[in-house]
Amino acid sequence: MAREAMKLVANNKKAYHDYFIEEKYECGIELFGTEVKSIRMGKCSIKEAYVSIDHGEAFIEGMNISPYEKGNIFNREPLRKRRLLLHKREILKLAGQVQAKGYTLMPLQVYFKNGRVKIEIGLARGKKLYDKRQDIRKKDMKREMERDYKVSVR
């Protein structure tokens, strides 16, 4: 059985802090050659990005792919709107949930899978301030438990 080679390029930690991630979807992205080369060099950011659905197609907006240094005239605009490659039924399902239940679509990570750029998007519901505080409290408790365990083992 062949293992899938996966190389992480960008991760959106802020999405996990600000949102509850209900479902995750893997999708391709429509890119030009110089954009792929720039992503291979790790010059990609999805911190301010979000996913929108227009006329039955999914787009990612606010994703910053820095221009490729050796790309000259073939470089595209860094913050342009890029189409996501999803099945029609997935797009319709996501559009229905975003409209009806008040969810939002957030990009979670960008990575290479078998030589192709993939984006993991999540169907997310916003956290309230007290939810964020609770998560921080849990992380602190877990960190302290691990620290205590390390001390007792030695």
Protein backbone atom coordinates (compact mmCIF):
# COMPACT_ATOMS: atom_id res chain seq x y z
CA MET A 1 0.00 0.00 0.00
CA ALA A 2 1.42 3.38 -1.03
CA ARG A 3 1.67 6.02 1.67
CA GLU A 4 0.43 9.48 0.87
CA ALA A 5 3.17 12.09 1.03
CA MET A 6 1.90 15.17 2.86
CA LYS A 7 3.92 18.36 3.37
CA LEU A 8 2.28 21.07 5.49
CA VAL A 9 2.76 24.62 4.15
CA ALA A 10 0.43 26.82 6.23
CA ASN A 11 -1.68 26.23 9.33
CA ASN A 12 -4.47 28.43 10.73
CA LYS A 13 -4.21 28.12 14.52
CA LYS A 14 -6.40 31.19 14.99
CA ALA A 15 -9.37 29.34 13.44
CA TYR A 16 -9.20 26.66 16.16
CA HIS A 17 -9.05 29.36 18.84
CA ASP A 18 -11.95 31.46 17.52
CA TYR A 19 -14.26 28.74 16.17
CA PHE A 20 -15.67 25.30 16.91
CA ILE A 21 -14.83 23.16 13.86
CA GLU A 22 -17.83 20.92 13.12
CA GLU A 23 -16.75 19.23 9.85
CA LYS A 24 -13.61 19.21 7.72
CA TYR A 25 -13.34 18.96 3.94
CA GLU A 26 -10.29 18.50 1.73
CA CYS A 27 -10.36 20.35 -1.57
CA GLY A 28 -8.08 21.35 -4.39
CA ILE A 29 -7.41 24.91 -5.45
CA GLU A 30 -7.12 26.49 -8.89
CA LEU A 31 -3.65 28.04 -9.11
CA PHE A 32 -1.20 29.28 -11.72
CA GLY A 33 2.37 27.96 -12.07
CA THR A 34 4.17 30.78 -10.28
CA GLU A 35 1.72 30.53 -7.37
CA VAL A 36 2.50 26.83 -6.94
CA LYS A 37 6.24 27.58 -6.97
CA SER A 38 5.74 30.27 -4.34
CA ILE A 39 3.74 27.86 -2.15
CA ARG A 40 6.53 25.26 -2.51
CA MET A 41 8.88 27.88 -1.04
CA GLY A 42 6.46 28.28 1.89
CA LYS A 43 5.27 31.80 1.06
CA CYS A 44 1.60 31.36 1.81
CA SER A 45 -0.65 32.72 4.57
CA ILE A 46 -4.27 31.87 5.42
CA LYS A 47 -4.59 33.81 8.67
CA GLU A 48 -7.06 36.40 7.29
CA ALA A 49 -8.66 34.11 4.70
CA TYR A 50 -12.24 32.87 4.49
CA VAL A 51 -14.30 30.78 2.08
CA SER A 52 -17.34 32.11 0.23
CA ILE A 53 -19.85 30.44 -2.08
CA ASP A 54 -21.02 32.40 -5.13
CA HIS A 55 -23.26 31.04 -7.91
CA GLY A 56 -22.62 27.40 -7.04
CA GLU A 57 -18.83 27.73 -6.80
CA ALA A 58 -16.59 27.94 -3.73
CA PHE A 59 -13.89 30.61 -3.55
CA ILE A 60 -11.17 31.41 -1.04
CA GLU A 61 -10.64 35.10 -0.40
CA GLY A 62 -7.89 36.82 1.54
CA MET A 63 -5.37 34.00 1.06
CA ASN A 64 -1.98 35.63 0.58
CA ILE A 65 0.44 33.91 -1.81
CA SER A 66 3.53 36.10 -2.17
CA PRO A 67 4.71 36.71 -5.75
CA TYR A 68 7.35 34.26 -6.98
CA GLU A 69 10.75 36.00 -7.11
CA LYS A 70 11.69 34.68 -10.56
CA GLY A 71 8.17 34.94 -11.99
CA ASN A 72 8.29 38.48 -13.49
CA ILE A 73 5.23 39.01 -15.80
CA PHE A 74 3.62 35.68 -14.95
CA ASN A 75 3.01 36.59 -11.30
CA ARG A 76 -0.59 37.09 -10.23
CA GLU A 77 -2.05 39.39 -7.58
CA PRO A 78 -1.19 38.01 -4.09
CA LEU A 79 -4.69 38.44 -2.58
CA ARG A 80 -6.83 37.50 -5.57
CA LYS A 81 -9.97 35.38 -5.26
CA ARG A 82 -9.16 31.70 -6.00
CA ARG A 83 -11.61 28.95 -6.90
CA LEU A 84 -11.78 25.83 -4.74
CA LEU A 85 -12.31 22.44 -6.35
CA LEU A 86 -15.15 20.64 -4.59
CA HIS A 87 -17.92 18.34 -5.78
CA LYS A 88 -21.22 20.05 -6.58
CA ARG A 89 -23.10 18.19 -3.85
CA GLU A 90 -20.50 19.24 -1.26
CA ILE A 91 -20.82 22.88 -2.32
CA LEU A 92 -24.62 22.74 -2.12
CA LYS A 93 -24.48 21.08 1.31
CA LEU A 94 -22.05 23.70 2.63
CA ALA A 95 -24.06 26.57 1.15
CA GLY A 96 -27.21 25.29 2.84
CA GLN A 97 -25.54 24.99 6.23
CA VAL A 98 -23.92 28.42 5.99
CA GLN A 99 -27.25 30.09 5.16
CA ALA A 100 -29.53 28.16 7.50
CA LYS A 101 -27.49 27.58 10.66
CA GLY A 102 -25.14 30.57 10.70
CA TYR A 103 -21.94 28.63 10.15
CA THR A 104 -18.88 30.02 8.40
CA LEU A 105 -16.26 28.32 6.24
CA MET A 106 -12.66 28.70 7.37
CA PRO A 107 -9.44 27.44 5.75
CA LEU A 108 -7.57 25.32 8.30
CA GLN A 109 -4.39 24.29 6.50
CA VAL A 110 -2.62 24.30 3.14
CA TYR A 111 -0.48 21.32 2.22
CA PHE A 112 0.93 19.27 -0.64
CA LYS A 113 -0.53 15.80 -1.13
CA ASN A 114 1.08 13.68 -3.83
CA GLY A 115 2.48 16.82 -5.49
CA ARG A 116 -0.82 18.72 -5.54
CA VAL A 117 -1.80 21.72 -3.42
CA LYS A 118 -4.73 20.91 -1.15
CA ILE A 119 -6.65 23.04 1.34
CA GLU A 120 -8.51 21.71 4.34
CA ILE A 121 -11.57 23.83 5.04
CA GLY A 122 -13.76 23.57 8.10
CA LEU A 123 -17.41 24.24 8.72
CA ALA A 124 -17.07 26.44 11.80
CA ARG A 125 -19.31 27.97 14.44
CA GLY A 126 -18.04 31.03 16.34
CA LYS A 127 -16.95 30.74 19.96
CA LYS A 128 -18.09 33.11 22.66
CA LEU A 129 -15.56 34.73 24.99
CA TYR A 130 -16.28 32.30 27.81
CA ASP A 131 -15.67 29.34 25.45
CA LYS A 132 -12.23 30.74 24.60
CA ARG A 133 -11.41 31.19 28.29
CA GLN A 134 -12.49 27.63 29.00
CA ASP A 135 -10.21 26.29 26.24
CA ILE A 136 -7.26 28.27 27.59
CA ARG A 137 -7.96 26.90 31.09
CA LYS A 138 -8.01 23.31 29.75
CA LYS A 139 -4.70 23.82 27.92
CA ASP A 140 -3.08 25.23 31.06
CA MET A 141 -4.31 22.31 33.18
CA LYS A 142 -3.07 19.79 30.63
CA ARG A 143 0.32 21.49 30.47
CA GLU A 144 0.64 21.45 34.26
CA MET A 145 -0.34 17.77 34.44
CA GLU A 146 2.33 16.90 31.87
CA ARG A 147 4.89 18.96 33.78
CA ASP A 148 3.99 17.21 37.06
CA TYR A 149 4.22 13.81 35.37
CA LYS A 150 7.69 14.61 33.99
CA VAL A 151 8.88 15.70 37.46
CA SER A 152 7.53 12.55 39.16
CA VAL A 153 9.06 10.21 36.55
CA ARG A 154 12.60 11.50 37.05
